[in-house]
Amino acid sequence: MLSDALSGASVGPTLSVRSAVTAPLRLQTYRNLLYLSLAFPLGLLYFLFFSIGFSVGVSLTFVVIGIPILLFVLAAALGLASVERKLATLLLGVSVRSPTTSSDGPLVERAKQLVVSQQTWKAVFYLVSKLILGLISFTAIMSLLTTAVSFLVIPFVYDQPGVYVGIVTSEPAVFRPQMLLGWDGLLVGVRTAFRLTSWQVTTLSGALAVAGLGVIIGIVTLNILNGLAWLSGQYTVLLLGEDAADASPEANAA
């Protein structure tokens, strides 16, 4: 069951105004941020590794050498999954129990177990899908968090020579909203026009207002990233953790 698969994981994040506002003050927030920052490069490396490994292995299967390559790729998936479990435990604070595996028996039997094991393919799926998490995290960090930081430094640079802070357009943009209604054979409507030229921060009060907006954006962004990190931890436990049905009697007794 899903609840069994998630046993040992951290509980859901506490949703309150206080916890949301104090997100920038908690060390766990920056651990989450580090984990999410690593997701994109790691996810990209995993995706390239499995794409190349499976492609080469399958294409060389007819000359036998492809079989050892495929077995190596599957074995590497279990090793990388172990790294991901440790990374999630260290940075996200979740407890991910490693599945019990047997290294006894003939080489052929162990190779067969590697191929048919559900845990092997769950590890492969998790590692490949990490690229999706990486893309989402990278987009949020580079767009929202970078914007927040940029707004926060405006009070320190807005009055520097050669620095222009504001909205610049090559030519005025004109917006013409209108509403038309048919009435008794006539077309009655309201039409207006708005012209947007440019806007520049030239005063300290204006710069502080923009910085205040940056604080709000930053707090909201950090809470979004904290939620994303929590979901990532649960996803790691679900796919890379030990299934309750496969747990040893000692673990169940504990």
Foldseek 3Di string as FASTA:
>chain_A
DLVQLQPQWDDADDDDPVCLLCLVVDPLLVLLLVVLQVLQVQLVVLQVLVVVQQVVLVVCVVVVPSLVSVLVNLVVLLVVLVVVQVSCCVRVVGHFAAFDDDPDDDPVVVSVCSVPPPLSVLSSVLSNCSNVSNVVSVVLCVPQVVLLVVLQCCLVPQPPPPDWDWFADPAKDKDKDKDWDDDPNDIDMDIDMDIDHIDTDDDSVSSVVSNVVSSVSNSVSSVVSSNSSSVSSSSSSNRRGYRPVRDDPVVVVD
